[in-house]
Amino acid sequence: EKLIQQYIHAMSHQKVKAEEKWSFYEITDERIDFLLSQLKVNN
């Protein structure tokens, strides 16, 4: 769960203004699909 949060949080930095941004992953369809697939195999 912690890793799902870290990935989504880091990707969101591409789209938002914030005082601090310590992480970054570019948003791609492949990454979104990967995370959605993880939601199907775990609760």
ModelCIF file with pLDDT and N, C-alpha, C, O atoms, coordinates in Angstrom:
data_MODEL
#
_entry.id   MODEL 
#
_entity.id                         1 
_entity.type                       polymer 
_entity.pdbx_number_of_molecules   1 
#
_entity_poly.entity_id                      1 
_entity_poly.type                           'polypeptide(L)' 
_entity_poly.nstd_linkage                   no 
_entity_poly.nstd_monomer                   no 
_entity_poly.pdbx_seq_one_letter_code       EKLIQQYIHAMSHQKVKAEEKWSFYEITDERIDFLLSQLKVNN 
_entity_poly.pdbx_seq_one_letter_code_can   EKLIQQYIHAMSHQKVKAEEKWSFYEITDERIDFLLSQLKVNN 
_entity_poly.pdbx_strand_id                 A 
#
loop_
_entity_poly_seq.entity_id 
_entity_poly_seq.num 
_entity_poly_seq.mon_id 
_entity_poly_seq.hetero 
1 1  GLU n 
1 2  LYS n 
1 3  LEU n 
1 4  ILE n 
1 5  GLN n 
1 6  GLN n 
1 7  TYR n 
1 8  ILE n 
1 9  HIS n 
1 10 ALA n 
1 11 MET n 
1 12 SER n 
1 13 HIS n 
1 14 GLN n 
1 15 LYS n 
1 16 VAL n 
1 17 LYS n 
1 18 ALA n 
1 19 GLU n 
1 20 GLU n 
1 21 LYS n 
1 22 TRP n 
1 23 SER n 
1 24 PHE n 
1 25 TYR n 
1 26 GLU n 
1 27 ILE n 
1 28 THR n 
1 29 ASP n 
1 30 GLU n 
1 31 ARG n 
1 32 ILE n 
1 33 ASP n 
1 34 PHE n 
1 35 LEU n 
1 36 LEU n 
1 37 SER n 
1 38 GLN n 
1 39 LEU n 
1 40 LYS n 
1 41 VAL n 
1 42 ASN n 
1 43 ASN n 
#
_struct_asym.id          A 
_struct_asym.entity_id   1 
#
loop_
_ma_qa_metric.id 
_ma_qa_metric.mode 
_ma_qa_metric.name 
_ma_qa_metric.software_group_id 
_ma_qa_metric.type 
1 global pLDDT . pLDDT 
2 local  pLDDT . pLDDT 
#
_ma_qa_metric_global.metric_id      1 
_ma_qa_metric_global.metric_value   96.14 
_ma_qa_metric_global.model_id       1 
_ma_qa_metric_global.ordinal_id     1 
#
loop_
_ma_qa_metric_local.label_asym_id 
_ma_qa_metric_local.label_comp_id 
_ma_qa_metric_local.label_seq_id 
_ma_qa_metric_local.metric_id 
_ma_qa_metric_local.metric_value 
_ma_qa_metric_local.model_id 
_ma_qa_metric_local.ordinal_id 
A GLU 1  2 97.00 1 1  
A LYS 2  2 96.00 1 2  
A LEU 3  2 97.00 1 3  
A ILE 4  2 97.00 1 4  
A GLN 5  2 97.00 1 5  
A GLN 6  2 97.00 1 6  
A TYR 7  2 97.00 1 7  
A ILE 8  2 98.00 1 8  
A HIS 9  2 97.00 1 9  
A ALA 10 2 97.00 1 10 
A MET 11 2 97.00 1 11 
A SER 12 2 97.00 1 12 
A HIS 13 2 96.00 1 13 
A GLN 14 2 97.00 1 14 
A LYS 15 2 98.00 1 15 
A VAL 16 2 97.00 1 16 
A LYS 17 2 97.00 1 17 
A ALA 18 2 95.00 1 18 
A GLU 19 2 92.00 1 19 
A GLU 20 2 92.00 1 20 
A LYS 21 2 93.00 1 21 
A TRP 22 2 90.00 1 22 
A SER 23 2 94.00 1 23 
A PHE 24 2 96.00 1 24 
A TYR 25 2 96.00 1 25 
A GLU 26 2 96.00 1 26 
A ILE 27 2 97.00 1 27 
A THR 28 2 97.00 1 28 
A ASP 29 2 97.00 1 29 
A GLU 30 2 97.00 1 30 
A ARG 31 2 97.00 1 31 
A ILE 32 2 98.00 1 32 
A ASP 33 2 97.00 1 33 
A PHE 34 2 97.00 1 34 
A LEU 35 2 97.00 1 35 
A LEU 36 2 97.00 1 36 
A SER 37 2 96.00 1 37 
A GLN 38 2 97.00 1 38 
A LEU 39 2 97.00 1 39 
A LYS 40 2 96.00 1 40 
A VAL 41 2 95.00 1 41 
A ASN 42 2 94.00 1 42 
A ASN 43 2 95.00 1 43 
#
loop_
_atom_site.group_PDB 
_atom_site.id 
_atom_site.type_symbol 
_atom_site.label_atom_id 
_atom_site.label_alt_id 
_atom_site.label_comp_id 
_atom_site.label_asym_id 
_atom_site.label_entity_id 
_atom_site.label_seq_id 
_atom_site.pdbx_PDB_ins_code 
_atom_site.Cartn_x 
_atom_site.Cartn_y 
_atom_site.Cartn_z 
_atom_site.occupancy 
_atom_site.B_iso_or_equiv 
_atom_site.pdbx_formal_charge 
_atom_site.auth_seq_id 
_atom_site.auth_comp_id 
_atom_site.auth_asym_id 
_atom_site.auth_atom_id 
_atom_site.pdbx_PDB_model_num 
ATOM 1   N N  . GLU A 1 1  ? 0.836  -1.203 0.000   1.00 97.00 ? 1  GLU A N  1 
ATOM 2   C CA . GLU A 1 1  ? 0.000  0.000  0.000   1.00 97.00 ? 1  GLU A CA 1 
ATOM 3   C C  . GLU A 1 1  ? 0.872  1.254  0.000   1.00 97.00 ? 1  GLU A C  1 
ATOM 4   O O  . GLU A 1 1  ? 0.581  2.223  -0.701  1.00 97.00 ? 1  GLU A O  1 
ATOM 5   N N  . LYS A 1 2  ? 1.929  1.225  0.784   1.00 96.00 ? 2  LYS A N  1 
ATOM 6   C CA . LYS A 1 2  ? 2.830  2.372  0.877   1.00 96.00 ? 2  LYS A CA 1 
ATOM 7   C C  . LYS A 1 2  ? 3.461  2.685  -0.483  1.00 96.00 ? 2  LYS A C  1 
ATOM 8   O O  . LYS A 1 2  ? 3.625  3.851  -0.841  1.00 96.00 ? 2  LYS A O  1 
ATOM 9   N N  . LEU A 1 3  ? 3.809  1.652  -1.229  1.00 97.00 ? 3  LEU A N  1 
ATOM 10  C CA . LEU A 1 3  ? 4.443  1.856  -2.526  1.00 97.00 ? 3  LEU A CA 1 
ATOM 11  C C  . LEU A 1 3  ? 3.446  2.390  -3.554  1.00 97.00 ? 3  LEU A C  1 
ATOM 12  O O  . LEU A 1 3  ? 3.797  3.245  -4.368  1.00 97.00 ? 3  LEU A O  1 
ATOM 13  N N  . ILE A 1 4  ? 2.215  1.898  -3.526  1.00 97.00 ? 4  ILE A N  1 
ATOM 14  C CA . ILE A 1 4  ? 1.169  2.443  -4.404  1.00 97.00 ? 4  ILE A CA 1 
ATOM 15  C C  . ILE A 1 4  ? 1.037  3.947  -4.136  1.00 97.00 ? 4  ILE A C  1 
ATOM 16  O O  . ILE A 1 4  ? 0.990  4.747  -5.071  1.00 97.00 ? 4  ILE A O  1 
ATOM 17  N N  . GLN A 1 5  ? 0.978  4.321  -2.868  1.00 97.00 ? 5  GLN A N  1 
ATOM 18  C CA . GLN A 1 5  ? 0.855  5.736  -2.497  1.00 97.00 ? 5  GLN A CA 1 
ATOM 19  C C  . GLN A 1 5  ? 2.052  6.544  -2.998  1.00 97.00 ? 5  GLN A C  1 
ATOM 20  O O  . GLN A 1 5  ? 1.885  7.639  -3.534  1.00 97.00 ? 5  GLN A O  1 
ATOM 21  N N  . GLN A 1 6  ? 3.243  6.007  -2.824  1.00 97.00 ? 6  GLN A N  1 
ATOM 22  C CA . GLN A 1 6  ? 4.441  6.738  -3.244  1.00 97.00 ? 6  GLN A CA 1 
ATOM 23  C C  . GLN A 1 6  ? 4.458  6.968  -4.748  1.00 97.00 ? 6  GLN A C  1 
ATOM 24  O O  . GLN A 1 6  ? 4.821  8.052  -5.205  1.00 97.00 ? 6  GLN A O  1 
ATOM 25  N N  . TYR A 1 7  ? 4.072  5.965  -5.515  1.00 97.00 ? 7  TYR A N  1 
ATOM 26  C CA . TYR A 1 7  ? 4.050  6.115  -6.970  1.00 97.00 ? 7  TYR A CA 1 
ATOM 27  C C  . TYR A 1 7  ? 3.014  7.159  -7.405  1.00 97.00 ? 7  TYR A C  1 
ATOM 28  O O  . TYR A 1 7  ? 3.324  8.039  -8.208  1.00 97.00 ? 7  TYR A O  1 
ATOM 29  N N  . ILE A 1 8  ? 1.804  7.067  -6.887  1.00 98.00 ? 8  ILE A N  1 
ATOM 30  C CA . ILE A 1 8  ? 0.762  8.030  -7.273  1.00 98.00 ? 8  ILE A CA 1 
ATOM 31  C C  . ILE A 1 8  ? 1.173  9.449  -6.853  1.00 98.00 ? 8  ILE A C  1 
ATOM 32  O O  . ILE A 1 8  ? 1.033  10.397 -7.625  1.00 98.00 ? 8  ILE A O  1 
ATOM 33  N N  . HIS A 1 9  ? 1.671  9.577  -5.651  1.00 97.00 ? 9  HIS A N  1 
ATOM 34  C CA . HIS A 1 9  ? 2.090  10.879 -5.141  1.00 97.00 ? 9  HIS A CA 1 
ATOM 35  C C  . HIS A 1 9  ? 3.192  11.476 -6.013  1.00 97.00 ? 9  HIS A C  1 
ATOM 36  O O  . HIS A 1 9  ? 3.135  12.651 -6.374  1.00 97.00 ? 9  HIS A O  1 
ATOM 37  N N  . ALA A 1 10 ? 4.192  10.666 -6.349  1.00 97.00 ? 10 ALA A N  1 
ATOM 38  C CA . ALA A 1 10 ? 5.310  11.155 -7.163  1.00 97.00 ? 10 ALA A CA 1 
ATOM 39  C C  . ALA A 1 10 ? 4.839  11.550 -8.561  1.00 97.00 ? 10 ALA A C  1 
ATOM 40  O O  . ALA A 1 10 ? 5.338  12.524 -9.125  1.00 97.00 ? 10 ALA A O  1 
ATOM 41  N N  . MET A 1 11 ? 3.893  10.815 -9.124  1.00 97.00 ? 11 MET A N  1 
ATOM 42  C CA . MET A 1 11 ? 3.377  11.162 -10.456 1.00 97.00 ? 11 MET A CA 1 
ATOM 43  C C  . MET A 1 11 ? 2.561  12.448 -10.407 1.00 97.00 ? 11 MET A C  1 
ATOM 44  O O  . MET A 1 11 ? 2.600  13.246 -11.343 1.00 97.00 ? 11 MET A O  1 
ATOM 45  N N  . SER A 1 12 ? 1.826  12.649 -9.322  1.00 97.00 ? 12 SER A N  1 
ATOM 46  C CA . SER A 1 12 ? 0.975  13.838 -9.228  1.00 97.00 ? 12 SER A CA 1 
ATOM 47  C C  . SER A 1 12 ? 1.784  15.132 -9.247  1.00 97.00 ? 12 SER A C  1 
ATOM 48  O O  . SER A 1 12 ? 1.257  16.180 -9.620  1.00 97.00 ? 12 SER A O  1 
ATOM 49  N N  . HIS A 1 13 ? 3.054  15.076 -8.852  1.00 96.00 ? 13 HIS A N  1 
ATOM 50  C CA . HIS A 1 13 ? 3.887  16.279 -8.818  1.00 96.00 ? 13 HIS A CA 1 
ATOM 51  C C  . HIS A 1 13 ? 4.062  16.907 -10.191 1.00 96.00 ? 13 HIS A C  1 
ATOM 52  O O  . HIS A 1 13 ? 4.358  18.096 -10.301 1.00 96.00 ? 13 HIS A O  1 
ATOM 53  N N  . GLN A 1 14 ? 3.881  16.118 -11.230 1.00 97.00 ? 14 GLN A N  1 
ATOM 54  C CA . GLN A 1 14 ? 3.980  16.640 -12.593 1.00 97.00 ? 14 GLN A CA 1 
ATOM 55  C C  . GLN A 1 14 ? 2.875  17.648 -12.890 1.00 97.00 ? 14 GLN A C  1 
ATOM 56  O O  . GLN A 1 14 ? 3.030  18.504 -13.761 1.00 97.00 ? 14 GLN A O  1 
ATOM 57  N N  . LYS A 1 15 ? 1.769  17.550 -12.173 1.00 98.00 ? 15 LYS A N  1 
ATOM 58  C CA . LYS A 1 15 ? 0.584  18.349 -12.506 1.00 98.00 ? 15 LYS A CA 1 
ATOM 59  C C  . LYS A 1 15 ? 0.291  19.487 -11.534 1.00 98.00 ? 15 LYS A C  1 
ATOM 60  O O  . LYS A 1 15 ? -0.548 20.338 -11.832 1.00 98.00 ? 15 LYS A O  1 
ATOM 61  N N  . VAL A 1 16 ? 0.957  19.528 -10.378 1.00 97.00 ? 16 VAL A N  1 
ATOM 62  C CA . VAL A 1 16 ? 0.528  20.475 -9.340  1.00 97.00 ? 16 VAL A CA 1 
ATOM 63  C C  . VAL A 1 16 ? 1.636  21.403 -8.862  1.00 97.00 ? 16 VAL A C  1 
ATOM 64  O O  . VAL A 1 16 ? 2.825  21.102 -8.964  1.00 97.00 ? 16 VAL A O  1 
ATOM 65  N N  . LYS A 1 17 ? 1.196  22.547 -8.336  1.00 97.00 ? 17 LYS A N  1 
ATOM 66  C CA . LYS A 1 17 ? 2.088  23.476 -7.647  1.00 97.00 ? 17 LYS A CA 1 
ATOM 67  C C  . LYS A 1 17 ? 2.069  23.096 -6.172  1.00 97.00 ? 17 LYS A C  1 
ATOM 68  O O  . LYS A 1 17 ? 1.009  22.873 -5.587  1.00 97.00 ? 17 LYS A O  1 
ATOM 69  N N  . ALA A 1 18 ? 3.254  23.027 -5.585  1.00 95.00 ? 18 ALA A N  1 
ATOM 70  C CA . ALA A 1 18 ? 3.376  22.746 -4.153  1.00 95.00 ? 18 ALA A CA 1 
ATOM 71  C C  . ALA A 1 18 ? 4.670  23.375 -3.657  1.00 95.00 ? 18 ALA A C  1 
ATOM 72  O O  . ALA A 1 18 ? 5.642  23.507 -4.401  1.00 95.00 ? 18 ALA A O  1 
ATOM 73  N N  . GLU A 1 19 ? 4.664  23.755 -2.401  1.00 92.00 ? 19 GLU A N  1 
ATOM 74  C CA . GLU A 1 19 ? 5.842  24.389 -1.810  1.00 92.00 ? 19 GLU A CA 1 
ATOM 75  C C  . GLU A 1 19 ? 7.049  23.466 -1.872  1.00 92.00 ? 19 GLU A C  1 
ATOM 76  O O  . GLU A 1 19 ? 8.161  23.916 -2.149  1.00 92.00 ? 19 GLU A O  1 
ATOM 77  N N  . GLU A 1 20 ? 6.841  22.189 -1.620  1.00 92.00 ? 20 GLU A N  1 
ATOM 78  C CA . GLU A 1 20 ? 7.911  21.193 -1.643  1.00 92.00 ? 20 GLU A CA 1 
ATOM 79  C C  . GLU A 1 20 ? 7.477  20.011 -2.499  1.00 92.00 ? 20 GLU A C  1 
ATOM 80  O O  . GLU A 1 20 ? 6.329  19.572 -2.439  1.00 92.00 ? 20 GLU A O  1 
ATOM 81  N N  . LYS A 1 21 ? 8.407  19.506 -3.294  1.00 93.00 ? 21 LYS A N  1 
ATOM 82  C CA . LYS A 1 21 ? 8.188  18.278 -4.068  1.00 93.00 ? 21 LYS A CA 1 
ATOM 83  C C  . LYS A 1 21 ? 9.472  17.467 -3.964  1.00 93.00 ? 21 LYS A C  1 
ATOM 84  O O  . LYS A 1 21 ? 10.505 17.850 -4.513  1.00 93.00 ? 21 LYS A O  1 
ATOM 85  N N  . TRP A 1 22 ? 9.397  16.353 -3.260  1.00 90.00 ? 22 TRP A N  1 
ATOM 86  C CA . TRP A 1 22 ? 10.599 15.557 -3.028  1.00 90.00 ? 22 TRP A CA 1 
ATOM 87  C C  . TRP A 1 22 ? 10.685 14.344 -3.937  1.00 90.00 ? 22 TRP A C  1 
ATOM 88  O O  . TRP A 1 22 ? 11.690 13.633 -3.920  1.00 90.00 ? 22 TRP A O  1 
ATOM 89  N N  . SER A 1 23 ? 9.662  14.096 -4.720  1.00 94.00 ? 23 SER A N  1 
ATOM 90  C CA . SER A 1 23 ? 9.667  12.903 -5.556  1.00 94.00 ? 23 SER A CA 1 
ATOM 91  C C  . SER A 1 23 ? 9.069  13.241 -6.915  1.00 94.00 ? 23 SER A C  1 
ATOM 92  O O  . SER A 1 23 ? 8.344  14.225 -7.062  1.00 94.00 ? 23 SER A O  1 
ATOM 93  N N  . PHE A 1 24 ? 9.384  12.408 -7.907  1.00 96.00 ? 24 PHE A N  1 
ATOM 94  C CA . PHE A 1 24 ? 8.832  12.636 -9.239  1.00 96.00 ? 24 PHE A CA 1 
ATOM 95  C C  . PHE A 1 24 ? 8.897  11.371 -10.070 1.00 96.00 ? 24 PHE A C  1 
ATOM 96  O O  . PHE A 1 24 ? 9.942  10.725 -10.160 1.00 96.00 ? 24 PHE A O  1 
ATOM 97  N N  . TYR A 1 25 ? 7.795  11.029 -10.663 1.00 96.00 ? 25 TYR A N  1 
ATOM 98  C CA . TYR A 1 25 ? 7.713  10.053 -11.750 1.00 96.00 ? 25 TYR A CA 1 
ATOM 99  C C  . TYR A 1 25 ? 6.805  10.663 -12.807 1.00 96.00 ? 25 TYR A C  1 
ATOM 100 O O  . TYR A 1 25 ? 5.717  11.148 -12.494 1.00 96.00 ? 25 TYR A O  1 
ATOM 101 N N  . GLU A 1 26 ? 7.244  10.639 -14.038 1.00 96.00 ? 26 GLU A N  1 
ATOM 102 C CA . GLU A 1 26 ? 6.414  11.150 -15.116 1.00 96.00 ? 26 GLU A CA 1 
ATOM 103 C C  . GLU A 1 26 ? 5.199  10.240 -15.271 1.00 96.00 ? 26 GLU A C  1 
ATOM 104 O O  . GLU A 1 26 ? 5.310  9.019  -15.160 1.00 96.00 ? 26 GLU A O  1 
ATOM 105 N N  . ILE A 1 27 ? 4.059  10.834 -15.523 1.00 97.00 ? 27 ILE A N  1 
ATOM 106 C CA . ILE A 1 27 ? 2.823  10.075 -15.712 1.00 97.00 ? 27 ILE A CA 1 
ATOM 107 C C  . ILE A 1 27 ? 2.849  9.483  -17.114 1.00 97.00 ? 27 ILE A C  1 
ATOM 108 O O  . ILE A 1 27 ? 3.021  10.198 -18.102 1.00 97.00 ? 27 ILE A O  1 
ATOM 109 N N  . THR A 1 28 ? 2.674  8.158  -17.187 1.00 97.00 ? 28 THR A N  1 
ATOM 110 C CA . THR A 1 28 ? 2.565  7.481  -18.483 1.00 97.00 ? 28 THR A CA 1 
ATOM 111 C C  . THR A 1 28 ? 1.388  6.515  -18.413 1.00 97.00 ? 28 THR A C  1 
ATOM 112 O O  . THR A 1 28 ? 0.990  6.078  -17.333 1.00 97.00 ? 28 THR A O  1 
ATOM 113 N N  . ASP A 1 29 ? 0.841  6.190  -19.578 1.00 97.00 ? 29 ASP A N  1 
ATOM 114 C CA . ASP A 1 29 ? -0.245 5.203  -19.629 1.00 97.00 ? 29 ASP A CA 1 
ATOM 115 C C  . ASP A 1 29 ? 0.217  3.867  -19.070 1.00 97.00 ? 29 ASP A C  1 
ATOM 116 O O  . ASP A 1 29 ? -0.533 3.186  -18.371 1.00 97.00 ? 29 ASP A O  1 
ATOM 117 N N  . GLU A 1 30 ? 1.449  3.496  -19.378 1.00 97.00 ? 30 GLU A N  1 
ATOM 118 C CA . GLU A 1 30 ? 1.989  2.222  -18.910 1.00 97.00 ? 30 GLU A CA 1 
ATOM 119 C C  . GLU A 1 30 ? 2.025  2.166  -17.372 1.00 97.00 ? 30 GLU A C  1 
ATOM 120 O O  . GLU A 1 30 ? 1.692  1.138  -16.781 1.00 97.00 ? 30 GLU A O  1 
ATOM 121 N N  . ARG A 1 31 ? 2.421  3.249  -16.742 1.00 97.00 ? 31 ARG A N  1 
ATOM 122 C CA . ARG A 1 31 ? 2.484  3.301  -15.277 1.00 97.00 ? 31 ARG A CA 1 
ATOM 123 C C  . ARG A 1 31 ? 1.080  3.280  -14.667 1.00 97.00 ? 31 ARG A C  1 
ATOM 124 O O  . ARG A 1 31 ? 0.840  2.601  -13.669 1.00 97.00 ? 31 ARG A O  1 
ATOM 125 N N  . ILE A 1 32 ? 0.169  4.020  -15.269 1.00 98.00 ? 32 ILE A N  1 
ATOM 126 C CA . ILE A 1 32 ? -1.213 4.023  -14.779 1.00 98.00 ? 32 ILE A CA 1 
ATOM 127 C C  . ILE A 1 32 ? -1.801 2.621  -14.883 1.00 98.00 ? 32 ILE A C  1 
ATOM 128 O O  . ILE A 1 32 ? -2.423 2.133  -13.939 1.00 98.00 ? 32 ILE A O  1 
ATOM 129 N N  . ASP A 1 33 ? -1.604 1.964  -16.043 1.00 97.00 ? 33 ASP A N  1 
ATOM 130 C CA . ASP A 1 33 ? -2.122 0.605  -16.236 1.00 97.00 ? 33 ASP A CA 1 
ATOM 131 C C  . ASP A 1 33 ? -1.510 -0.376 -15.244 1.00 97.00 ? 33 ASP A C  1 
ATOM 132 O O  . ASP A 1 33 ? -2.200 -1.252 -14.722 1.00 97.00 ? 33 ASP A O  1 
ATOM 133 N N  . PHE A 1 34 ? -0.216 -0.227 -14.988 1.00 97.00 ? 34 PHE A N  1 
ATOM 134 C CA . PHE A 1 34 ? 0.469  -1.098 -14.029 1.00 97.00 ? 34 PHE A CA 1 
ATOM 135 C C  . PHE A 1 34 ? -0.148 -0.959 -12.638 1.00 97.00 ? 34 PHE A C  1 
ATOM 136 O O  . PHE A 1 34 ? -0.427 -1.960 -11.977 1.00 97.00 ? 34 PHE A O  1 
ATOM 137 N N  . LEU A 1 35 ? -0.359 0.275  -12.198 1.00 97.00 ? 35 LEU A N  1 
ATOM 138 C CA . LEU A 1 35 ? -0.935 0.496  -10.869 1.00 97.00 ? 35 LEU A CA 1 
ATOM 139 C C  . LEU A 1 35 ? -2.383 0.001  -10.809 1.00 97.00 ? 35 LEU A C  1 
ATOM 140 O O  . LEU A 1 35 ? -2.792 -0.589 -9.809  1.00 97.00 ? 35 LEU A O  1 
ATOM 141 N N  . LEU A 1 36 ? -3.150 0.233  -11.858 1.00 97.00 ? 36 LEU A N  1 
ATOM 142 C CA . LEU A 1 36 ? -4.526 -0.282 -11.885 1.00 97.00 ? 36 LEU A CA 1 
ATOM 143 C C  . LEU A 1 36 ? -4.529 -1.805 -11.831 1.00 97.00 ? 36 LEU A C  1 
ATOM 144 O O  . LEU A 1 36 ? -5.390 -2.395 -11.180 1.00 97.00 ? 36 LEU A O  1 
ATOM 145 N N  . SER A 1 37 ? -3.589 -2.443 -12.500 1.00 96.00 ? 37 SER A N  1 
ATOM 146 C CA . SER A 1 37 ? -3.520 -3.912 -12.457 1.00 96.00 ? 37 SER A CA 1 
ATOM 147 C C  . SER A 1 37 ? -3.179 -4.411 -11.058 1.00 96.00 ? 37 SER A C  1 
ATOM 148 O O  . SER A 1 37 ? -3.632 -5.481 -10.650 1.00 96.00 ? 37 SER A O  1 
ATOM 149 N N  . GLN A 1 38 ? -2.388 -3.644 -10.328 1.00 97.00 ? 38 GLN A N  1 
ATOM 150 C CA . GLN A 1 38 ? -2.052 -4.025 -8.950  1.00 97.00 ? 38 GLN A CA 1 
ATOM 151 C C  . GLN A 1 38 ? -3.284 -3.966 -8.049  1.00 97.00 ? 38 GLN A C  1 
ATOM 152 O O  . GLN A 1 38 ? -3.411 -4.760 -7.117  1.00 97.00 ? 38 GLN A O  1 
ATOM 153 N N  . LEU A 1 39 ? -4.184 -3.034 -8.324  1.00 97.00 ? 39 LEU A N  1 
ATOM 154 C CA . LEU A 1 39 ? -5.404 -2.927 -7.525  1.00 97.00 ? 39 LEU A CA 1 
ATOM 155 C C  . LEU A 1 39 ? -6.288 -4.158 -7.699  1.00 97.00 ? 39 LEU A C  1 
ATOM 156 O O  . LEU A 1 39 ? -7.087 -4.483 -6.821  1.00 97.00 ? 39 LEU A O  1 
ATOM 157 N N  . LYS A 1 40 ? -6.143 -4.839 -8.830  1.00 96.00 ? 40 LYS A N  1 
ATOM 158 C CA . LYS A 1 40 ? -6.958 -6.027 -9.100  1.00 96.00 ? 40 LYS A CA 1 
ATOM 159 C C  . LYS A 1 40 ? -6.428 -7.276 -8.414  1.00 96.00 ? 40 LYS A C  1 
ATOM 160 O O  . LYS A 1 40 ? -7.174 -8.239 -8.234  1.00 96.00 ? 40 LYS A O  1 
ATOM 161 N N  . VAL A 1 41 ? -5.161 -7.282 -8.028  1.00 95.00 ? 41 VAL A N  1 
ATOM 162 C CA . VAL A 1 41 ? -4.567 -8.487 -7.444  1.00 95.00 ? 41 VAL A CA 1 
ATOM 163 C C  . VAL A 1 41 ? -4.331 -8.394 -5.940  1.00 95.00 ? 41 VAL A C  1 
ATOM 164 O O  . VAL A 1 41 ? -3.816 -9.332 -5.332  1.00 95.00 ? 41 VAL A O  1 
ATOM 165 N N  . ASN A 1 42 ? -4.701 -7.279 -5.346  1.00 94.00 ? 42 ASN A N  1 
ATOM 166 C CA . ASN A 1 42 ? -4.510 -7.130 -3.904  1.00 94.00 ? 42 ASN A CA 1 
ATOM 167 C C  . ASN A 1 42 ? -5.611 -6.223 -3.365  1.00 94.00 ? 42 ASN A C  1 
ATOM 168 O O  . ASN A 1 42 ? -6.227 -5.467 -4.117  1.00 94.00 ? 42 ASN A O  1 
ATOM 169 N N  . ASN A 1 43 ? -5.849 -6.302 -2.076  1.00 95.00 ? 43 ASN A N  1 
ATOM 170 C CA . ASN A 1 43 ? -6.819 -5.421 -1.416  1.00 95.00 ? 43 ASN A CA 1 
ATOM 171 C C  . ASN A 1 43 ? -6.054 -4.361 -0.646  1.00 95.00 ? 43 ASN A C  1 
ATOM 172 O O  . ASN A 1 43 ? -6.662 -3.503 -0.007  1.00 95.00 ? 43 ASN A O  1 
#
